[in-house]
Protein backbone atom coordinates (compact mmCIF):
# COMPACT_ATOMS: atom_id res chain seq x y z
CA MET A 1 0.00 0.00 0.00
CA GLY A 2 1.07 3.58 -0.54
CA THR A 3 3.37 2.86 -3.43
CA GLY A 4 4.56 5.94 -5.27
CA LYS A 5 7.59 7.45 -6.90
CA ARG A 6 10.58 7.21 -4.66
CA GLY A 7 14.30 7.64 -5.20
CA LEU A 8 17.53 9.10 -3.98
CA ILE A 9 17.42 12.84 -3.39
CA ALA A 10 20.53 14.88 -4.05
CA THR A 11 20.60 18.18 -2.14
CA ALA A 12 22.80 21.16 -1.47
CA VAL A 13 22.65 22.79 2.00
CA THR A 14 23.49 26.06 3.60
CA VAL A 15 27.28 26.37 3.71
CA VAL A 16 28.67 28.22 0.71
CA CYS A 17 31.22 26.22 -1.29
CA ALA A 18 30.15 22.95 0.38
CA LEU A 19 27.92 20.35 -1.27
CA THR A 20 26.20 17.59 0.66
CA VAL A 21 24.28 14.85 -1.07
CA LEU A 22 21.44 13.69 1.11
CA ALA A 23 19.62 10.49 0.33
CA ALA A 24 16.01 10.01 1.36
CA PRO A 25 15.60 6.37 2.41
CA GLY A 26 13.49 4.50 -0.07
CA THR A 27 11.69 2.87 2.83
CA ALA A 28 10.75 6.10 4.58
CA PHE A 29 7.17 5.67 3.50
CA ALA A 30 7.20 1.99 2.72
CA SER A 31 3.94 0.14 2.47
CA PRO A 32 2.77 -1.21 5.81
CA SER A 33 1.97 -4.85 6.19
CA PRO A 34 -1.63 -5.73 5.39
CA THR A 35 -3.98 -5.38 8.34
CA PRO A 36 -4.93 -8.87 9.61
CA THR A 37 -8.59 -9.62 9.02
CA PRO A 38 -10.35 -10.15 12.34
CA THR A 39 -12.38 -13.30 12.84
CA PRO A 40 -16.05 -12.71 11.93
CA SER A 41 -18.32 -12.10 14.86
CA ALA A 42 -20.54 -14.94 16.02
CA GLY A 43 -23.24 -12.47 17.03
CA PRO A 44 -26.75 -12.37 15.61
CA ILE A 45 -27.31 -11.45 11.98
CA LEU A 46 -28.41 -7.87 11.51
CA ALA A 47 -31.89 -7.24 10.21
CA PRO A 48 -31.72 -6.66 6.41
CA GLY A 49 -32.88 -3.10 6.38
CA LYS A 50 -32.15 -0.10 8.47
CA ASP A 51 -29.14 -1.56 10.32
CA LEU A 52 -27.27 -2.70 7.21
CA GLU A 53 -28.13 0.55 5.48
CA ALA A 54 -26.51 2.38 8.39
CA VAL A 55 -23.45 0.15 7.98
CA ARG A 56 -23.34 0.98 4.27
CA LYS A 57 -23.45 4.70 4.95
CA LYS A 58 -20.76 4.44 7.61
CA LEU A 59 -18.51 2.47 5.26
CA ASP A 60 -19.08 5.10 2.60
CA ARG A 61 -18.03 7.84 5.03
CA LEU A 62 -14.91 5.92 6.08
CA TYR A 63 -13.78 5.20 2.53
CA ARG A 64 -14.45 8.77 1.45
CA ALA A 65 -12.34 10.01 4.35
CA ALA A 66 -9.61 7.63 3.20
CA ALA A 67 -9.96 9.04 -0.34
CA ARG A 68 -9.48 12.59 0.93
CA ALA A 69 -6.40 11.53 2.87
CA THR A 70 -5.12 9.73 -0.23
CA ASP A 71 -5.35 13.00 -2.15
CA GLU A 72 -3.32 14.67 0.63
CA TYR A 73 -0.74 11.88 0.41
CA ASN A 74 -0.49 12.08 -3.38
CA ALA A 75 -0.22 15.89 -3.29
CA ALA A 76 2.61 15.70 -0.75
CA GLU A 77 4.39 13.14 -2.89
CA GLU A 78 4.02 15.25 -6.02
CA LYS A 79 5.42 18.30 -4.21
CA ALA A 80 8.31 16.22 -2.86
CA ASP A 81 9.22 15.12 -6.37
CA LYS A 82 9.31 18.73 -7.58
CA GLN A 83 11.29 19.92 -4.55
CA SER A 84 13.78 17.08 -4.93
CA ALA A 85 14.32 17.99 -8.57
CA GLU A 86 14.84 21.64 -7.61
CA ILE A 87 17.38 20.67 -4.96
CA VAL A 88 19.30 18.62 -7.50
CA LYS A 89 19.35 21.61 -9.90
CA LEU A 90 20.62 23.88 -7.13
CA ALA A 91 23.27 21.35 -6.16
CA LYS A 92 24.56 21.31 -9.75
CA LYS A 93 24.62 25.12 -9.77
CA ILE A 94 26.64 25.12 -6.55
CA VAL A 95 29.17 22.68 -8.00
CA LYS A 96 29.59 24.83 -11.12
CA GLY A 97 29.81 27.95 -8.97
CA GLN A 98 32.52 26.38 -6.84
CA GLU A 99 34.51 25.49 -9.94
CA LYS A 100 34.13 29.01 -11.31
CA LEU A 101 35.15 30.57 -8.00
CA ALA A 102 38.24 28.39 -7.83
CA LYS A 103 39.31 29.51 -11.33
CA LEU A 104 38.73 33.18 -10.47
CA LYS A 105 40.81 32.82 -7.32
CA ASP A 106 43.58 31.21 -9.37
CA ARG A 107 43.52 34.20 -11.71
CA ALA A 108 43.64 36.60 -8.79
CA GLY A 109 46.54 34.65 -7.32
CA ALA A 110 48.42 34.77 -10.62
CA THR A 111 47.96 38.55 -10.77
CA ALA A 112 49.31 38.95 -7.26
CA ALA A 113 52.29 36.72 -8.06
CA ALA A 114 53.13 38.77 -11.15
CA GLN A 115 53.13 41.94 -9.07
CA TYR A 116 55.44 40.31 -6.54
CA ARG A 117 57.87 39.33 -9.29
CA GLY A 118 57.88 42.96 -10.39
CA GLY A 119 59.48 43.96 -7.12
CA GLY A 120 56.29 44.47 -5.20
CA LEU A 121 55.67 47.85 -6.82
CA PRO A 122 52.32 48.59 -8.42
CA PRO A 123 52.27 49.15 -12.23
CA GLU A 124 51.86 52.91 -11.70
CA ALA A 125 55.15 53.09 -9.80
CA HIS A 126 57.06 51.23 -12.52
CA LEU A 127 55.54 53.61 -15.06
CA MET A 128 56.73 56.72 -13.22
CA LEU A 129 60.29 55.32 -13.12
CA SER A 130 60.45 55.04 -16.92
CA ASP A 131 62.69 57.52 -18.83
CA ASP A 132 61.45 56.52 -22.28
CA PRO A 133 58.42 58.64 -23.40
CA GLN A 134 57.09 55.90 -25.73
CA GLU A 135 57.51 53.31 -23.04
CA PHE A 136 55.66 55.64 -20.69
CA LEU A 137 52.72 55.99 -23.10
CA ASP A 138 52.58 52.25 -23.83
CA GLY A 139 52.78 51.52 -20.14
CA ALA A 140 49.99 53.95 -19.32
CA CYS A 141 47.72 52.10 -21.72
CA ARG A 142 48.63 48.74 -20.18
CA VAL A 143 48.02 50.12 -16.68
CA ARG A 144 44.53 51.26 -17.64
CA GLN A 145 43.82 47.86 -19.19
CA GLY A 146 45.17 46.11 -16.10
CA GLN A 147 43.09 48.25 -13.78
CA HIS A 148 39.98 47.52 -15.82
CA ALA A 149 40.73 43.78 -15.81
CA ALA A 150 41.36 43.81 -12.06
CA LYS A 151 38.06 45.56 -11.39
CA GLY A 152 36.30 43.05 -13.65
CA LEU A 153 37.92 40.15 -11.84
CA ILE A 154 36.96 41.51 -8.43
CA GLY A 155 33.40 42.12 -9.61
CA GLU A 156 33.12 38.59 -11.01
CA LEU A 157 34.49 37.11 -7.81
CA THR A 158 31.93 39.06 -5.78
CA ARG A 159 29.03 38.07 -8.02
CA THR A 160 30.03 34.40 -7.98
CA GLN A 161 30.27 34.36 -4.20
CA HIS A 162 26.87 36.06 -3.96
CA ASP A 163 25.35 33.50 -6.36
CA LEU A 164 26.74 30.64 -4.29
CA GLU A 165 25.27 32.10 -1.12
CA GLN A 166 21.87 32.47 -2.83
CA TYR A 167 21.96 28.92 -4.22
CA ALA A 168 22.78 27.58 -0.76
CA GLN A 169 19.93 29.56 0.84
CA ASP A 170 17.51 28.33 -1.83
CA ALA A 171 18.65 24.74 -1.34
CA SER A 172 18.19 25.05 2.41
CA ALA A 173 14.66 26.45 1.94
CA GLN A 174 13.74 23.65 -0.46
CA TRP A 175 15.11 21.08 1.96
CA LYS A 176 12.93 22.48 4.77
CA LYS A 177 9.89 22.30 2.50
CA LEU A 178 10.79 18.74 1.61
CA GLU A 179 11.01 17.78 5.27
CA ALA A 180 7.65 19.44 5.97
CA GLY A 181 6.19 17.54 3.01
CA ARG A 182 7.45 14.28 4.39
CA LYS A 183 5.69 14.95 7.67
CA ALA A 184 2.47 15.82 5.83
CA LYS A 185 2.81 12.65 3.78
CA ALA A 186 3.32 10.53 6.90
CA ALA A 187 0.31 12.15 8.60
CA ALA A 188 -1.86 11.47 5.55
CA GLN A 189 -0.68 7.87 5.50
CA LYS A 190 -1.78 7.42 9.10
CA LYS A 191 -5.21 8.86 8.28
CA ILE A 192 -5.61 6.50 5.33
CA GLU A 193 -4.58 3.44 7.30
CA LYS A 194 -6.86 4.36 10.20
CA GLN A 195 -9.95 4.86 8.01
CA ILE A 196 -9.35 1.73 5.96
CA ALA A 197 -8.63 -0.40 9.04
CA GLU A 198 -11.86 0.78 10.65
CA ALA A 199 -13.84 0.04 7.50
CA GLU A 200 -12.28 -3.39 7.09
CA LYS A 201 -12.99 -4.19 10.74
CA LEU A 202 -16.61 -3.14 10.32
CA GLU A 203 -17.00 -5.32 7.22
CA SER A 204 -15.22 -8.29 8.78
CA GLU A 205 -17.68 -8.36 11.69
CA LEU A 206 -20.53 -9.06 9.30
CA ARG A 207 -21.54 -12.60 8.49
CA LYS A 208 -21.44 -13.86 4.92
CA GLU A 209 -25.17 -13.27 4.43
CA GLU A 210 -24.82 -9.73 5.72
CA GLN A 211 -21.84 -9.03 3.48
CA GLU A 212 -23.81 -10.25 0.48
CA ARG A 213 -26.78 -8.10 1.43
CA LEU A 214 -24.47 -5.13 1.98
CA ALA A 215 -23.04 -5.57 -1.52
CA GLU A 216 -26.61 -5.60 -2.86
CA LEU A 217 -27.42 -2.39 -0.99
CA GLU A 218 -24.32 -0.72 -2.49
CA LYS A 219 -25.40 -1.75 -6.00
CA GLU A 220 -28.97 -0.62 -5.34
CA ALA A 221 -27.82 2.80 -4.13
CA ALA A 222 -25.55 3.26 -7.15
CA GLY A 223 -28.30 2.02 -9.47
CA LYS A 224 -30.88 4.42 -8.08
CA ALA A 225 -28.48 7.34 -8.48
CA GLN A 226 -27.64 6.31 -12.05
CA THR A 227 -31.30 5.86 -12.95
CA ALA A 228 -32.17 9.29 -11.58
CA TRP A 229 -29.30 10.79 -13.56
CA LEU A 230 -30.42 9.10 -16.79
CA ASP A 231 -34.08 9.97 -16.15
CA SER A 232 -33.09 13.62 -16.17
CA GLY A 233 -32.57 13.26 -19.93
CA ILE A 234 -28.94 14.32 -19.69
CA LEU A 235 -27.75 11.48 -21.90
CA ASP A 236 -29.85 12.78 -24.79
CA GLU A 237 -27.88 16.03 -24.61
CA ILE A 238 -24.44 14.39 -24.51
CA SER A 239 -23.24 13.71 -28.04
CA GLY A 240 -19.59 14.74 -28.03
CA LYS A 241 -17.12 12.54 -29.86
CA ALA A 242 -13.75 11.71 -28.34
CA SER A 243 -10.64 13.46 -29.59
CA GLU A 244 -7.72 11.34 -30.77
CA GLN A 245 -6.00 11.87 -27.42
CA GLY A 246 -9.27 11.12 -25.62
CA LYS A 247 -9.58 7.79 -27.46
CA LYS A 248 -6.07 6.80 -26.39
CA ALA A 249 -6.81 7.76 -22.78
CA VAL A 250 -10.01 5.70 -22.78
CA GLU A 251 -8.19 2.72 -24.32
CA TYR A 252 -5.58 2.86 -21.57
CA ALA A 253 -8.09 3.25 -18.74
CA THR A 254 -10.40 0.46 -19.92
CA ALA A 255 -7.41 -1.86 -20.39
CA GLN A 256 -6.84 -1.63 -16.62
CA ILE A 257 -10.27 -3.05 -15.76
CA GLY A 258 -9.97 -5.77 -13.13
CA LYS A 259 -6.78 -4.42 -11.55
CA PRO A 260 -6.97 -3.75 -7.79
CA TYR A 261 -7.42 -0.38 -6.15
CA GLN A 262 -4.44 0.65 -4.02
CA TRP A 263 -4.09 4.07 -2.47
CA GLY A 264 -1.15 6.09 -3.73
CA ALA A 265 -0.67 3.78 -6.71
CA GLU A 266 -0.16 4.84 -10.33
CA GLY A 267 0.08 1.43 -11.96
CA PRO A 268 0.89 -0.62 -13.78
CA LYS A 269 -0.50 -3.32 -11.47
CA THR A 270 -2.63 -1.24 -9.09
CA TYR A 271 -4.23 2.22 -9.10
CA ASP A 272 -6.07 4.75 -7.01
CA CYS A 273 -8.70 6.90 -8.71
CA SER A 274 -6.50 9.80 -9.81
CA GLY A 275 -3.55 7.49 -10.46
CA LEU A 276 -5.68 5.80 -13.12
CA THR A 277 -6.87 9.01 -14.79
CA SER A 278 -3.48 10.73 -14.72
CA GLN A 279 -1.66 7.72 -16.16
CA ALA A 280 -4.32 7.27 -18.83
CA TRP A 281 -3.77 10.81 -20.04
CA ILE A 282 0.01 10.52 -19.80
CA SER A 283 -0.29 7.49 -22.10
CA ALA A 284 -2.19 9.75 -24.50
CA GLY A 285 0.62 12.30 -24.46
CA ARG A 286 -0.90 14.79 -22.06
CA GLY A 287 0.48 15.26 -18.55
CA ILE A 288 -2.15 16.31 -16.01
CA PRO A 289 -2.13 16.92 -12.23
CA ARG A 290 -1.76 13.84 -10.04
CA THR A 291 -4.67 14.35 -7.64
CA SER A 292 -8.42 14.62 -8.23
CA GLN A 293 -8.53 17.95 -6.39
CA GLU A 294 -5.77 19.45 -8.55
CA GLN A 295 -7.38 18.02 -11.66
CA TRP A 296 -10.54 19.87 -10.67
CA LYS A 297 -8.64 23.10 -9.93
CA ARG A 298 -6.31 23.22 -12.92
CA LEU A 299 -8.07 21.57 -15.87
CA ARG A 300 -10.65 23.30 -18.02
CA HIS A 301 -14.22 22.99 -16.76
CA ILE A 302 -16.91 22.08 -19.27
CA ASP A 303 -20.68 21.65 -19.09
CA ILE A 304 -21.95 18.11 -18.59
CA GLN A 305 -23.94 18.24 -21.84
CA ASP A 306 -20.69 18.96 -23.70
CA MET A 307 -18.96 15.95 -22.15
CA ARG A 308 -17.21 13.45 -24.40
CA PRO A 309 -15.24 10.21 -23.87
CA GLY A 310 -11.90 10.90 -22.21
CA ASP A 311 -13.21 13.79 -20.10
CA LEU A 312 -12.88 13.44 -16.35
CA ILE A 313 -15.87 13.56 -14.00
CA ILE A 314 -15.07 14.90 -10.53
CA TYR A 315 -17.26 13.64 -7.69
CA PHE A 316 -18.38 14.92 -4.27
CA ASP A 317 -18.17 18.47 -2.95
CA ASP A 318 -14.55 18.01 -1.87
CA ALA A 319 -13.42 16.67 -5.28
CA SER A 320 -12.20 13.51 -3.55
CA HIS A 321 -12.96 11.12 -6.43
CA VAL A 322 -12.42 11.16 -10.18
CA ALA A 323 -13.44 8.89 -13.05
CA MET A 324 -13.11 8.91 -16.82
CA TYR A 325 -16.21 9.19 -18.98
CA VAL A 326 -16.26 6.47 -21.66
CA GLY A 327 -19.60 7.26 -23.32
CA ASP A 328 -23.19 6.00 -23.14
CA GLY A 329 -23.57 7.26 -19.58
CA ALA A 330 -20.70 5.14 -18.23
CA ILE A 331 -17.37 5.74 -16.50
CA VAL A 332 -14.26 3.71 -15.81
CA HIS A 333 -12.75 4.25 -12.37
CA ALA A 334 -10.82 2.79 -9.45
CA PRO A 335 -13.53 2.90 -6.74
CA ARG A 336 -11.96 2.22 -3.32
CA PRO A 337 -9.91 -0.27 -1.28
CA GLY A 338 -11.16 -3.83 -1.73
CA ARG A 339 -12.46 -3.09 -5.24
CA THR A 340 -11.00 -3.27 -8.73
CA VAL A 341 -10.96 -0.88 -11.70
CA THR A 342 -14.42 -1.19 -13.19
CA ILE A 343 -17.15 0.30 -15.37
CA ALA A 344 -19.96 2.09 -13.53
CA GLY A 345 -22.74 4.56 -14.18
CA ALA A 346 -21.56 8.14 -14.54
CA GLY A 347 -24.40 9.30 -12.30
CA SER A 348 -23.88 6.68 -9.59
CA MET A 349 -22.18 9.26 -7.34
CA PRO A 350 -22.80 12.97 -6.75
CA ILE A 351 -21.15 14.87 -9.62
CA LEU A 352 -19.22 18.03 -8.80
CA GLY A 353 -18.31 18.80 -12.41
CA VAL A 354 -16.45 17.78 -15.53
CA VAL A 355 -12.96 18.73 -16.72
CA ARG A 356 -11.22 18.25 -20.05
CA PRO A 357 -7.51 17.40 -20.11
CA ASP A 358 -7.00 18.10 -23.84
CA ALA A 359 -8.34 21.61 -23.34
CA ALA A 360 -6.73 22.96 -26.53
CA ALA A 361 -8.76 20.60 -28.71
CA ASP A 362 -12.20 21.51 -30.06
């Protein structure tokens, strides 16, 4: 659980002219061992009505809370990747800056050595001691050139040192953000595990007959929502045809049907909801935000009646779930822990809105 992009992180820290490569352990956020399934309760079977419906609603709340925490986890991971890349860039700049500074210091040292070989007198003094008028004029020109070069060298040394200090400060700031992101990621992981463990415990305490009835209630609730959505006549208004990129995204997403849901996963064996949609669009040549909330914030919003296959439907008021529209009133999505990538009704959950990844296309 919780698989995501991991790797060694190279970083530069605050001391100018010093480079430290820091490696983030690949196991820092390793997947925890699966939660053991408790033995089913031997208590009385719940009445097939109000009690099981209450269980269904509680499970829905728990899994939705886990979905929100999963978005937090994925967002923290995405930020960490960007910050790590920035730290690596700054580290490379510091190395180049160190090399440049060393060369400039060598040049300054060579200039000082040349002056020492000239008897320790500055060029102006040697010039004043000359009796030859032409030599005096030629020397005056060389002195001016030398003074200009010296000022340029000093200025370049100063700028390089300043750049190194700035790079080091930036690297330190990025490192602090990275550490804060790790804490946020760990906190989100705890939330996910807690909500899923509670849901799994609740389900495990049901007898087989109750679990079967609960599954029926889930299907009935989704079916009622889908029927109400279709009865609104919305499908008659949706006639958009998929773009070429949209077709490729749909092909990718539907090819994953049957693969398990796993929070934080982006494939190829397991997915969470936004992991599936983001990877589908990457396969179509279009990079999109990693999380459902960022997909909702940053992709172009379109009216439902203008929806076409490949568009993404965002669900719930908090944008905690996303699915891909595949046409004919259906979606493909990774529902929740314990489920697999599947086809479902587009109206089976409360729709927040629709976004289009290939926004530049007509």
